[in-house]
Structure formats: structure tokens, C-alpha cells
Amino acid sequence: MSTYTPITYTSTDGLTLYARDYAGQAGPARLPVICIHGLTRNSSDFDELAPLLTNLSRRVLALDVRGRGHSERDPNPDNYTPTVYAGDVAKLMQDLGIERAIFIGTSMGGLITMTLAMRHLDRIAGAVLNDIGPIISEKGLARIASYTGQCAALSSWREAADYVKDINQCAFPHNPQAEWDKWARRAFDQIENGSLVPRYDPNIANALQTGKLKPTSLGARMAFRRLARKRPVLLVRGVLSDLLEPEQAEWMKKAAPDLQYAEVPNVGHAPMLTEQEAWEAIRAFLAQLP
């Protein structure tokens, strides 16, 4: 794995936020890549992808969205929205002097990318949407709502691995035990009494539990059209996905005829993007961009 420099920055409302900064390998100057994780995840999800991207002479920034990982939790749960998250991304770019970047957004990270396109399209050179779109399946949404914010403290890393496996095996039926063990280390923190707790604020679930997060909206569809009609976009979909099913993917293709598309077999929501089919599509996509 490539080494990274941990960085912190301050949001416009005063939270201390975190990102991993992976330096690109020597070569021609290329636009950086900003990677944004899914709802309950964090920047460590890109541990394997980031080195592949840096080998293409791309600087990579992998974010911990507010309330996740090393980023500060928000005392106001109403701020856990794509609009606020997109503002945090814009602030990071401003602080680092990054005018434009290529975005890779997994699930919620893709929603954040689409939201950013409504206010800061000039910041986006291209985008990879990982198993997400402006219309999502109620089935997948209900599954995610069933566990987000519901996990009590666990007593061992084996329990943590079993928990991660339980909520993800439907999407990754062929994962070996070693993978679940690794994911548990990414998903949980060990606190002072030895217990293991999820690396996210349980309050991120509020929008799901109260029904505020809808399967689609006019704003989401407008944001996708604005992004995909004005910038190169690659959609990666897990064939087993219950969040972005074939009908939603077909809607996206019709709404954006230039949309590039790749499927990852034997994987559901959401691909890790290091799968051969995903990586080959991403590498070809990035080759089109400065």
C-alpha cells in the first residue's frame, strides 16, 4: 500500500475534518483524484485503490466525511446532509489550492459529488459514481436503514468481523474471512474499556430513520443531469446491487447518453473498485482526462 500524509482542515462551521493525502508517483502533472466513501464508511476504504491511482501520477485525497473516521462529529445531526458534505469538500479544495479534481464517489460519496455539481461544477473535471445514482431502490435503502446507527459496542475483533460479514455478505458472497477481518479494523475503533464501537456518529442515521432520505427527488435528478451532461461520468455498478438495480441504471443511461458504464460481477453494493472490471474501467476513464 502507498503511504499517505494525514491532513486536517476546518469546515466553514468550525469542525475539524480529516483526509488522507497520497502523493502521486513522478510523472506528468495530472489532475488529482478526490475519493469520497459511503454512508457508514471512511477513508480507509480506499487503501487498495489509492496506490493504483498514484501509480498513474495522480495525487489522491481520501476524505473522512464529517461524523466518520477521524473527522469531528457534528453536534447538530441536521447537518448530516449531502449539501453540507459538498460544502466541506469545496472547503478542502479551497484550503489546498485545488481548482479542479476528478471525483470517485462510492454510494453517499456519489450523492455528494452530484450535489457538488449543482454549486461548483467548475471544480469537477470528471466523476466516477460507484453504485449510486439519483434514483435508488427502496429495497436497498431499507436494508441500509436496518443496521445504520443500530450497532451496540462489541467485545472482540472476531465479533466485529462477524458483524461486518452479517451486514455485507449479501453484497460480497465470496469474501474470505481475512477480508472480513480487515474490514472490521476499518469499521470499528477500540475505546478505553476495550470495547469496539463503529467509527461513525450514530446520528448519521437520523435521515434514514425519519424517512427524510428519499429514494429520489427532483433535485437529485437535476444534479445528475447537470453533472453527466456537462462532464465525463463513469457509472460502476455491482451486478448483485440492491441499491442501484438495473432499472435505475437504465434510467441513468437514458438521461445521460454519454454516460460510461461498467458492471462488476458477483458483487453487490458497493464494489471496492479494485475488482478487475471496475479498475480497468476506471483506468480507461482516467486516461481520457488531464
C-alpha atoms as a PDB file:
ATOM      1  CA  MET A   1       0.000   0.000   0.000  1.00  0.00           C
ATOM      2  CA  SER A   2       1.104   3.545  -0.713  1.00  0.00           C
ATOM      3  CA  THR A   3       1.953   5.821   2.181  1.00  0.00           C
ATOM      4  CA  TYR A   4      -0.146   8.892   2.851  1.00  0.00           C
ATOM      5  CA  THR A   5       0.043  12.098   4.827  1.00  0.00           C
ATOM      6  CA  PRO A   6      -2.838  12.675   7.255  1.00  0.00           C
ATOM      7  CA  ILE A   7      -4.191  16.200   6.982  1.00  0.00           C
ATOM      8  CA  THR A   8      -6.839  18.149   8.860  1.00  0.00           C
ATOM      9  CA  TYR A   9      -8.828  21.183   7.841  1.00  0.00           C
ATOM     10  CA  THR A  10     -11.624  23.254   9.317  1.00  0.00           C
ATOM     11  CA  SER A  11     -15.132  23.358   7.914  1.00  0.00           C
ATOM     12  CA  THR A  12     -16.927  26.675   7.481  1.00  0.00           C
ATOM     13  CA  ASP A  13     -18.877  25.928  10.680  1.00  0.00           C
ATOM     14  CA  GLY A  14     -15.775  25.109  12.702  1.00  0.00           C
ATOM     15  CA  LEU A  15     -15.486  21.296  12.671  1.00  0.00           C
ATOM     16  CA  THR A  16     -12.072  19.676  12.378  1.00  0.00           C
ATOM     17  CA  LEU A  17     -12.168  17.322   9.401  1.00  0.00           C
ATOM     18  CA  TYR A  18      -9.680  14.721   8.206  1.00  0.00           C
ATOM     19  CA  ALA A  19      -8.336  13.402   4.916  1.00  0.00           C
ATOM     20  CA  ARG A  20      -5.555  11.150   3.664  1.00  0.00           C
ATOM     21  CA  ASP A  21      -3.237  12.742   1.125  1.00  0.00           C
ATOM     22  CA  TYR A  22      -1.488  10.243  -1.175  1.00  0.00           C
ATOM     23  CA  ALA A  23       1.241  11.782  -3.327  1.00  0.00           C
ATOM     24  CA  GLY A  24       1.239  10.800  -6.987  1.00  0.00           C
ATOM     25  CA  GLN A  25       4.225   8.996  -8.463  1.00  0.00           C
ATOM     26  CA  ALA A  26       6.683  11.028 -10.515  1.00  0.00           C
ATOM     27  CA  GLY A  27       5.420  11.817 -13.977  1.00  0.00           C
ATOM     28  CA  PRO A  28       3.492  14.442 -15.936  1.00  0.00           C
ATOM     29  CA  ALA A  29       1.325  16.696 -13.805  1.00  0.00           C
ATOM     30  CA  ARG A  30      -2.213  15.287 -13.725  1.00  0.00           C
ATOM     31  CA  LEU A  31      -5.415  16.386 -12.045  1.00  0.00           C
ATOM     32  CA  PRO A  32      -5.814  14.978  -8.530  1.00  0.00           C
ATOM     33  CA  VAL A  33      -8.479  12.461  -7.559  1.00  0.00           C
ATOM     34  CA  ILE A  34     -10.801  13.007  -4.604  1.00  0.00           C
ATOM     35  CA  CYS A  35     -12.309   9.815  -3.160  1.00  0.00           C
ATOM     36  CA  ILE A  36     -15.456  10.005  -1.028  1.00  0.00           C
ATOM     37  CA  HIS A  37     -16.744   6.969   0.880  1.00  0.00           C
ATOM     38  CA  GLY A  38     -20.198   5.591   1.615  1.00  0.00           C
ATOM     39  CA  LEU A  39     -22.636   6.351   4.434  1.00  0.00           C
ATOM     40  CA  THR A  40     -21.108   4.408   7.339  1.00  0.00           C
ATOM     41  CA  ARG A  41     -17.593   4.053   5.941  1.00  0.00           C
ATOM     42  CA  ASN A  42     -14.429   6.147   5.974  1.00  0.00           C
ATOM     43  CA  SER A  43     -11.269   6.987   4.037  1.00  0.00           C
ATOM     44  CA  SER A  44      -9.652   3.601   4.738  1.00  0.00           C
ATOM     45  CA  ASP A  45     -11.994   2.050   2.162  1.00  0.00           C
ATOM     46  CA  PHE A  46      -9.604   3.397  -0.476  1.00  0.00           C
ATOM     47  CA  ASP A  47      -6.485   1.727   0.983  1.00  0.00           C
ATOM     48  CA  GLU A  48      -6.083  -0.514  -2.052  1.00  0.00           C
ATOM     49  CA  LEU A  49      -7.413   1.825  -4.730  1.00  0.00           C
ATOM     50  CA  ALA A  50      -5.291   4.856  -3.818  1.00  0.00           C
ATOM     51  CA  PRO A  51      -1.924   3.235  -4.681  1.00  0.00           C
ATOM     52  CA  LEU A  52      -3.271   2.210  -8.087  1.00  0.00           C
ATOM     53  CA  LEU A  53      -4.273   5.799  -8.728  1.00  0.00           C
ATOM     54  CA  THR A  54      -0.973   7.256  -7.526  1.00  0.00           C
ATOM     55  CA  ASN A  55       0.816   4.922  -9.941  1.00  0.00           C
ATOM     56  CA  LEU A  56      -0.964   6.883 -12.681  1.00  0.00           C
ATOM     57  CA  SER A  57       0.760  10.073 -11.450  1.00  0.00           C
ATOM     58  CA  ARG A  58      -2.398  11.209  -9.685  1.00  0.00           C
ATOM     59  CA  ARG A  59      -2.437  12.778  -6.256  1.00  0.00           C
ATOM     60  CA  VAL A  60      -5.240  11.180  -4.241  1.00  0.00           C
ATOM     61  CA  LEU A  61      -7.232  12.700  -1.406  1.00  0.00           C
ATOM     62  CA  ALA A  62      -9.443  10.265   0.517  1.00  0.00           C
ATOM     63  CA  LEU A  63     -11.824  12.041   2.877  1.00  0.00           C
ATOM     64  CA  ASP A  64     -13.423  11.198   6.193  1.00  0.00           C
ATOM     65  CA  VAL A  65     -16.803  12.906   5.833  1.00  0.00           C
ATOM     66  CA  ARG A  66     -17.906  14.773   8.972  1.00  0.00           C
ATOM     67  CA  GLY A  67     -19.070  12.332  11.635  1.00  0.00           C
ATOM     68  CA  ARG A  68     -16.937   9.495  10.304  1.00  0.00           C
ATOM     69  CA  GLY A  69     -13.459   8.143  10.977  1.00  0.00           C
ATOM     70  CA  HIS A  70     -11.111  10.832  12.287  1.00  0.00           C
ATOM     71  CA  SER A  71     -13.404  13.724  11.364  1.00  0.00           C
ATOM     72  CA  GLU A  72     -15.222  15.503  14.163  1.00  0.00           C
ATOM     73  CA  ARG A  73     -18.817  14.622  14.909  1.00  0.00           C
ATOM     74  CA  ASP A  74     -21.373  17.333  14.310  1.00  0.00           C
ATOM     75  CA  PRO A  75     -23.355  18.449  17.391  1.00  0.00           C
ATOM     76  CA  ASN A  76     -26.253  19.215  15.048  1.00  0.00           C
ATOM     77  CA  PRO A  77     -27.379  15.988  13.304  1.00  0.00           C
ATOM     78  CA  ASP A  78     -29.404  18.048  10.827  1.00  0.00           C
ATOM     79  CA  ASN A  79     -26.083  18.901   9.173  1.00  0.00           C
ATOM     80  CA  TYR A  80     -25.553  15.309   8.059  1.00  0.00           C
ATOM     81  CA  THR A  81     -26.736  16.045   4.527  1.00  0.00           C
ATOM     82  CA  PRO A  82     -25.139  15.903   1.057  1.00  0.00           C
ATOM     83  CA  THR A  83     -25.399  19.690   0.774  1.00  0.00           C
ATOM     84  CA  VAL A  84     -23.306  20.235   3.907  1.00  0.00           C
ATOM     85  CA  TYR A  85     -20.875  17.470   2.924  1.00  0.00           C
ATOM     86  CA  ALA A  86     -20.400  19.033  -0.507  1.00  0.00           C
ATOM     87  CA  GLY A  87     -19.583  22.334   1.180  1.00  0.00           C
ATOM     88  CA  ASP A  88     -16.908  20.552   3.216  1.00  0.00           C
ATOM     89  CA  VAL A  89     -15.351  19.143   0.032  1.00  0.00           C
ATOM     90  CA  ALA A  90     -15.299  22.588  -1.563  1.00  0.00           C
ATOM     91  CA  LYS A  91     -13.627  23.988   1.567  1.00  0.00           C
ATOM     92  CA  LEU A  92     -10.903  21.316   1.447  1.00  0.00           C
ATOM     93  CA  MET A  93     -10.195  22.122  -2.190  1.00  0.00           C
ATOM     94  CA  GLN A  94     -10.054  25.823  -1.402  1.00  0.00           C
ATOM     95  CA  ASP A  95      -7.669  25.278   1.521  1.00  0.00           C
ATOM     96  CA  LEU A  96      -5.351  23.103  -0.581  1.00  0.00           C
ATOM     97  CA  GLY A  97      -5.477  25.357  -3.621  1.00  0.00           C
ATOM     98  CA  ILE A  98      -7.039  22.682  -5.814  1.00  0.00           C
ATOM     99  CA  GLU A  99      -9.071  24.281  -8.585  1.00  0.00           C
ATOM    100  CA  ARG A 100     -10.306  21.089 -10.266  1.00  0.00           C
ATOM    101  CA  ALA A 101     -10.282  17.396  -9.490  1.00  0.00           C
ATOM    102  CA  ILE A 102     -11.650  14.065 -10.639  1.00  0.00           C
ATOM    103  CA  PHE A 103     -14.106  12.586  -8.161  1.00  0.00           C
ATOM    104  CA  ILE A 104     -14.682   8.976  -7.189  1.00  0.00           C
ATOM    105  CA  GLY A 105     -17.782   8.695  -5.043  1.00  0.00           C
ATOM    106  CA  THR A 106     -18.999   5.447  -3.503  1.00  0.00           C
ATOM    107  CA  SER A 107     -22.702   5.412  -2.657  1.00  0.00           C
ATOM    108  CA  MET A 108     -23.165   8.520  -0.465  1.00  0.00           C
ATOM    109  CA  GLY A 109     -19.897   9.805  -1.926  1.00  0.00           C
ATOM    110  CA  GLY A 110     -21.550   9.796  -5.330  1.00  0.00           C
ATOM    111  CA  LEU A 111     -24.521  11.744  -3.974  1.00  0.00           C
ATOM    112  CA  ILE A 112     -22.082  14.293  -2.568  1.00  0.00           C
ATOM    113  CA  THR A 113     -20.382  14.543  -5.958  1.00  0.00           C
ATOM    114  CA  MET A 114     -23.698  15.143  -7.726  1.00  0.00           C
ATOM    115  CA  THR A 115     -24.625  17.757  -5.120  1.00  0.00           C
ATOM    116  CA  LEU A 116     -21.281  19.492  -5.624  1.00  0.00           C
ATOM    117  CA  ALA A 117     -22.082  19.709  -9.341  1.00  0.00           C
ATOM    118  CA  MET A 118     -25.061  21.965  -8.618  1.00  0.00           C
ATOM    119  CA  ARG A 119     -22.947  24.676  -6.987  1.00  0.00           C
ATOM    120  CA  HIS A 120     -19.364  24.028  -8.010  1.00  0.00           C
ATOM    121  CA  LEU A 121     -19.430  22.276 -11.361  1.00  0.00           C
ATOM    122  CA  ASP A 122     -16.255  24.131 -12.289  1.00  0.00           C
ATOM    123  CA  ARG A 123     -14.450  22.096  -9.598  1.00  0.00           C
ATOM    124  CA  ILE A 124     -15.303  18.776 -11.250  1.00  0.00           C
ATOM    125  CA  ALA A 125     -13.299  17.558 -14.246  1.00  0.00           C
ATOM    126  CA  GLY A 126     -14.958  14.148 -14.292  1.00  0.00           C
ATOM    127  CA  ALA A 127     -16.622  11.713 -11.923  1.00  0.00           C
ATOM    128  CA  VAL A 128     -16.905   8.024 -11.137  1.00  0.00           C
ATOM    129  CA  LEU A 129     -20.217   7.160  -9.480  1.00  0.00           C
ATOM    130  CA  ASN A 130     -19.839   3.875  -7.635  1.00  0.00           C
ATOM    131  CA  ASP A 131     -23.154   2.007  -7.448  1.00  0.00           C
ATOM    132  CA  ILE A 132     -25.236   5.121  -6.946  1.00  0.00           C
ATOM    133  CA  GLY A 133     -27.459   7.462  -8.869  1.00  0.00           C
ATOM    134  CA  PRO A 134     -30.258   9.986  -8.425  1.00  0.00           C
ATOM    135  CA  ILE A 135     -32.823   7.189  -8.153  1.00  0.00           C
ATOM    136  CA  ILE A 136     -32.131   4.371  -5.713  1.00  0.00           C
ATOM    137  CA  SER A 137     -34.014   1.231  -4.798  1.00  0.00           C
ATOM    138  CA  GLU A 138     -36.307   1.273  -1.775  1.00  0.00           C
ATOM    139  CA  LYS A 139     -35.201  -2.307  -1.111  1.00  0.00           C
ATOM    140  CA  GLY A 140     -31.553  -1.374  -0.703  1.00  0.00           C
ATOM    141  CA  LEU A 141     -32.413   1.786   1.222  1.00  0.00           C
ATOM    142  CA  ALA A 142     -34.441  -0.260   3.717  1.00  0.00           C
ATOM    143  CA  ARG A 143     -31.602  -2.750   4.164  1.00  0.00           C
ATOM    144  CA  ILE A 144     -29.103   0.013   4.931  1.00  0.00           C
ATOM    145  CA  ALA A 145     -31.557   1.701   7.316  1.00  0.00           C
ATOM    146  CA  SER A 146     -31.974  -1.581   9.200  1.00  0.00           C
ATOM    147  CA  TYR A 147     -28.407  -1.510  10.519  1.00  0.00           C
ATOM    148  CA  THR A 148     -27.121   2.076  10.339  1.00  0.00           C
ATOM    149  CA  GLY A 149     -26.721   3.506  13.822  1.00  0.00           C
ATOM    150  CA  GLN A 150     -28.007   0.277  15.415  1.00  0.00           C
ATOM    151  CA  CYS A 151     -24.760  -1.472  16.386  1.00  0.00           C
ATOM    152  CA  ALA A 152     -24.010  -1.707  20.111  1.00  0.00           C
ATOM    153  CA  ALA A 153     -20.460  -1.932  21.437  1.00  0.00           C
ATOM    154  CA  LEU A 154     -18.793  -5.255  20.711  1.00  0.00           C
ATOM    155  CA  SER A 155     -16.323  -7.133  22.878  1.00  0.00           C
ATOM    156  CA  SER A 156     -13.840  -8.609  20.380  1.00  0.00           C
ATOM    157  CA  TRP A 157     -12.441  -8.205  16.894  1.00  0.00           C
ATOM    158  CA  ARG A 158     -13.995 -11.555  15.975  1.00  0.00           C
ATOM    159  CA  GLU A 159     -17.412 -10.205  16.927  1.00  0.00           C
ATOM    160  CA  ALA A 160     -16.709  -7.124  14.837  1.00  0.00           C
ATOM    161  CA  ALA A 161     -15.716  -9.237  11.826  1.00  0.00           C
ATOM    162  CA  ASP A 162     -18.852 -11.357  12.249  1.00  0.00           C
ATOM    163  CA  TYR A 163     -20.976  -8.200  12.390  1.00  0.00           C
ATOM    164  CA  VAL A 164     -19.390  -6.742   9.252  1.00  0.00           C
ATOM    165  CA  LYS A 165     -19.864 -10.064   7.481  1.00  0.00           C
ATOM    166  CA  ASP A 166     -23.502 -10.292   8.546  1.00  0.00           C
ATOM    167  CA  ILE A 167     -24.469  -6.928   7.043  1.00  0.00           C
ATOM    168  CA  ASN A 168     -22.309  -7.233   3.913  1.00  0.00           C
ATOM    169  CA  GLN A 169     -22.266 -10.880   2.872  1.00  0.00           C
ATOM    170  CA  CYS A 170     -25.259 -10.420   0.574  1.00  0.00           C
ATOM    171  CA  ALA A 171     -23.119  -7.991  -1.448  1.00  0.00           C
ATOM    172  CA  PHE A 172     -19.836  -9.888  -1.190  1.00  0.00           C
ATOM    173  CA  PRO A 173     -20.763 -13.590  -1.087  1.00  0.00           C
ATOM    174  CA  HIS A 174     -17.242 -14.731  -1.989  1.00  0.00           C
ATOM    175  CA  ASN A 175     -15.247 -12.693   0.537  1.00  0.00           C
ATOM    176  CA  PRO A 176     -12.774 -14.803   2.550  1.00  0.00           C
ATOM    177  CA  GLN A 177     -12.591 -14.459   6.326  1.00  0.00           C
ATOM    178  CA  ALA A 178      -9.394 -12.422   6.047  1.00  0.00           C
ATOM    179  CA  GLU A 179     -11.325  -9.741   4.169  1.00  0.00           C
ATOM    180  CA  TRP A 180     -13.981  -9.511   6.875  1.00  0.00           C
ATOM    181  CA  ASP A 181     -11.231  -9.220   9.489  1.00  0.00           C
ATOM    182  CA  LYS A 182      -9.673  -6.347   7.535  1.00  0.00           C
ATOM    183  CA  TRP A 183     -12.998  -4.583   7.089  1.00  0.00           C
ATOM    184  CA  ALA A 184     -13.693  -4.850  10.819  1.00  0.00           C
ATOM    185  CA  ARG A 185     -10.450  -2.977  11.550  1.00  0.00           C
ATOM    186  CA  ARG A 186     -11.591  -0.258   9.188  1.00  0.00           C
ATOM    187  CA  ALA A 187     -15.112  -0.058  10.556  1.00  0.00           C
ATOM    188  CA  PHE A 188     -14.503  -0.116  14.333  1.00  0.00           C
ATOM    189  CA  ASP A 189     -12.445   1.726  16.938  1.00  0.00           C
ATOM    190  CA  GLN A 190     -11.310   0.226  20.240  1.00  0.00           C
ATOM    191  CA  ILE A 191     -12.121   2.552  23.130  1.00  0.00           C
ATOM    192  CA  GLU A 192     -10.524   2.773  26.569  1.00  0.00           C
ATOM    193  CA  ASN A 193     -12.515  -0.038  28.184  1.00  0.00           C
ATOM    194  CA  GLY A 194     -11.559  -2.392  25.345  1.00  0.00           C
ATOM    195  CA  SER A 195     -14.952  -2.364  23.650  1.00  0.00           C
ATOM    196  CA  LEU A 196     -15.261  -1.863  19.917  1.00  0.00           C
ATOM    197  CA  VAL A 197     -17.561   0.832  18.547  1.00  0.00           C
ATOM    198  CA  PRO A 198     -18.380   1.842  14.946  1.00  0.00           C
ATOM    199  CA  ARG A 199     -16.221   4.606  13.504  1.00  0.00           C
ATOM    200  CA  TYR A 200     -19.168   6.881  12.831  1.00  0.00           C
ATOM    201  CA  ASP A 201     -21.662   9.015  14.699  1.00  0.00           C
ATOM    202  CA  PRO A 202     -24.911   7.028  15.140  1.00  0.00           C
ATOM    203  CA  ASN A 203     -26.800  10.249  14.413  1.00  0.00           C
ATOM    204  CA  ILE A 204     -25.928   9.936  10.720  1.00  0.00           C
ATOM    205  CA  ALA A 205     -28.874   7.517  10.649  1.00  0.00           C
ATOM    206  CA  ASN A 206     -31.435  10.193  11.514  1.00  0.00           C
ATOM    207  CA  ALA A 207     -32.344  10.994   7.909  1.00  0.00           C
ATOM    208  CA  LEU A 208     -32.854   7.282   7.213  1.00  0.00           C
ATOM    209  CA  GLN A 209     -34.846   6.547  10.348  1.00  0.00           C
ATOM    210  CA  THR A 210     -37.144   9.555   9.919  1.00  0.00           C
ATOM    211  CA  GLY A 211     -37.729   8.970   6.223  1.00  0.00           C
ATOM    212  CA  LYS A 212     -36.117  12.266   5.199  1.00  0.00           C
ATOM    213  CA  LEU A 213     -33.799  10.437   2.810  1.00  0.00           C
ATOM    214  CA  LYS A 214     -35.980   9.610  -0.174  1.00  0.00           C
ATOM    215  CA  PRO A 215     -35.263   7.139  -2.989  1.00  0.00           C
ATOM    216  CA  THR A 216     -35.299  10.059  -5.418  1.00  0.00           C
ATOM    217  CA  SER A 217     -36.096  13.741  -5.758  1.00  0.00           C
ATOM    218  CA  LEU A 218     -36.335  16.331  -8.498  1.00  0.00           C
ATOM    219  CA  GLY A 219     -33.176  17.957  -7.137  1.00  0.00           C
ATOM    220  CA  ALA A 220     -31.214  14.702  -7.283  1.00  0.00           C
ATOM    221  CA  ARG A 221     -32.268  14.040 -10.879  1.00  0.00           C
ATOM    222  CA  MET A 222     -31.384  17.597 -11.891  1.00  0.00           C
ATOM    223  CA  ALA A 223     -27.981  17.285 -10.203  1.00  0.00           C
ATOM    224  CA  PHE A 224     -27.199  14.070 -12.062  1.00  0.00           C
ATOM    225  CA  ARG A 225     -28.234  15.516 -15.416  1.00  0.00           C
ATOM    226  CA  ARG A 226     -26.133  18.619 -14.823  1.00  0.00           C
ATOM    227  CA  LEU A 227     -23.091  16.538 -13.930  1.00  0.00           C
ATOM    228  CA  ALA A 228     -23.390  13.832 -16.575  1.00  0.00           C
ATOM    229  CA  ARG A 229     -24.314  16.119 -19.451  1.00  0.00           C
ATOM    230  CA  LYS A 230     -21.508  18.589 -18.815  1.00  0.00           C
ATOM    231  CA  ARG A 231     -18.709  16.355 -17.538  1.00  0.00           C
ATOM    232  CA  PRO A 232     -17.394  12.851 -18.318  1.00  0.00           C
ATOM    233  CA  VAL A 233     -19.020  10.374 -15.927  1.00  0.00           C
ATOM    234  CA  LEU A 234     -18.423   6.665 -15.388  1.00  0.00           C
ATOM    235  CA  LEU A 235     -21.063   4.612 -13.592  1.00  0.00           C
ATOM    236  CA  VAL A 236     -19.795   1.441 -11.907  1.00  0.00           C
ATOM    237  CA  ARG A 237     -22.485  -0.985 -10.765  1.00  0.00           C
ATOM    238  CA  GLY A 238     -22.259  -4.217  -8.802  1.00  0.00           C
ATOM    239  CA  VAL A 239     -24.343  -6.846 -10.579  1.00  0.00           C
ATOM    240  CA  LEU A 240     -25.808  -8.013  -7.235  1.00  0.00           C
ATOM    241  CA  SER A 241     -26.589  -4.475  -6.059  1.00  0.00           C
ATOM    242  CA  ASP A 242     -29.909  -3.952  -4.296  1.00  0.00           C
ATOM    243  CA  LEU A 243     -29.445  -0.168  -4.131  1.00  0.00           C
ATOM    244  CA  LEU A 244     -28.836   0.524  -7.806  1.00  0.00           C
ATOM    245  CA  GLU A 245     -30.811  -2.107  -9.645  1.00  0.00           C
ATOM    246  CA  PRO A 246     -30.913  -2.493 -13.450  1.00  0.00           C
ATOM    247  CA  GLU A 247     -33.954  -0.245 -13.860  1.00  0.00           C
ATOM    248  CA  GLN A 248     -32.271   2.663 -12.111  1.00  0.00           C
ATOM    249  CA  ALA A 249     -29.091   2.173 -14.133  1.00  0.00           C
ATOM    250  CA  GLU A 250     -31.130   2.157 -17.356  1.00  0.00           C
ATOM    251  CA  TRP A 251     -32.797   5.432 -16.362  1.00  0.00           C
ATOM    252  CA  MET A 252     -29.350   6.987 -15.901  1.00  0.00           C
ATOM    253  CA  LYS A 253     -28.179   5.778 -19.312  1.00  0.00           C
ATOM    254  CA  LYS A 254     -31.229   7.292 -20.993  1.00  0.00           C
ATOM    255  CA  ALA A 255     -30.944  10.566 -19.061  1.00  0.00           C
ATOM    256  CA  ALA A 256     -27.249  10.883 -19.968  1.00  0.00           C
ATOM    257  CA  PRO A 257     -26.484   9.250 -23.345  1.00  0.00           C
ATOM    258  CA  ASP A 258     -22.730   9.844 -22.961  1.00  0.00           C
ATOM    259  CA  LEU A 259     -22.607   8.046 -19.606  1.00  0.00           C
ATOM    260  CA  GLN A 260     -19.841   5.449 -19.491  1.00  0.00           C
ATOM    261  CA  TYR A 261     -20.777   2.200 -17.771  1.00  0.00           C
ATOM    262  CA  ALA A 262     -19.150  -0.842 -16.193  1.00  0.00           C
ATOM    263  CA  GLU A 263     -20.513  -3.788 -14.239  1.00  0.00           C
ATOM    264  CA  VAL A 264     -18.724  -5.852 -11.596  1.00  0.00           C
ATOM    265  CA  PRO A 265     -19.899  -9.489 -11.430  1.00  0.00           C
ATOM    266  CA  ASN A 266     -20.535 -11.357  -8.175  1.00  0.00           C
ATOM    267  CA  VAL A 267     -20.527  -8.128  -6.140  1.00  0.00           C
ATOM    268  CA  GLY A 268     -23.374  -6.018  -4.768  1.00  0.00           C
ATOM    269  CA  HIS A 269     -23.445  -2.625  -3.096  1.00  0.00           C
ATOM    270  CA  ALA A 270     -20.868  -1.284  -3.450  1.00  0.00           C
ATOM    271  CA  PRO A 271     -17.801  -2.519  -5.373  1.00  0.00           C
ATOM    272  CA  MET A 272     -14.432  -1.797  -3.776  1.00  0.00           C
ATOM    273  CA  LEU A 273     -13.261  -0.598  -7.234  1.00  0.00           C
ATOM    274  CA  THR A 274     -10.165  -2.794  -7.195  1.00  0.00           C
ATOM    275  CA  GLU A 275     -12.074  -5.612  -8.904  1.00  0.00           C
ATOM    276  CA  GLN A 276     -10.660  -6.218 -12.385  1.00  0.00           C
ATOM    277  CA  GLU A 277     -13.744  -4.981 -14.233  1.00  0.00           C
ATOM    278  CA  ALA A 278     -14.005  -1.843 -12.104  1.00  0.00           C
ATOM    279  CA  TRP A 279     -10.317  -0.985 -12.188  1.00  0.00           C
ATOM    280  CA  GLU A 280      -9.976  -1.466 -15.937  1.00  0.00           C
ATOM    281  CA  ALA A 281     -12.952   0.853 -16.488  1.00  0.00           C
ATOM    282  CA  ILE A 282     -11.568   3.468 -14.092  1.00  0.00           C
ATOM    283  CA  ARG A 283      -8.100   3.353 -15.624  1.00  0.00           C
ATOM    284  CA  ALA A 284      -9.541   3.820 -19.127  1.00  0.00           C
ATOM    285  CA  PHE A 285     -11.761   6.628 -17.871  1.00  0.00           C
ATOM    286  CA  LEU A 286      -8.879   8.476 -16.233  1.00  0.00           C
ATOM    287  CA  ALA A 287      -6.808   8.153 -19.391  1.00  0.00           C
ATOM    288  CA  GLN A 288      -9.335  10.459 -21.091  1.00  0.00           C
ATOM    289  CA  LEU A 289      -8.790  13.220 -18.538  1.00  0.00           C
ATOM    290  CA  PRO A 290      -5.886  15.621 -17.987  1.00  0.00           C
END
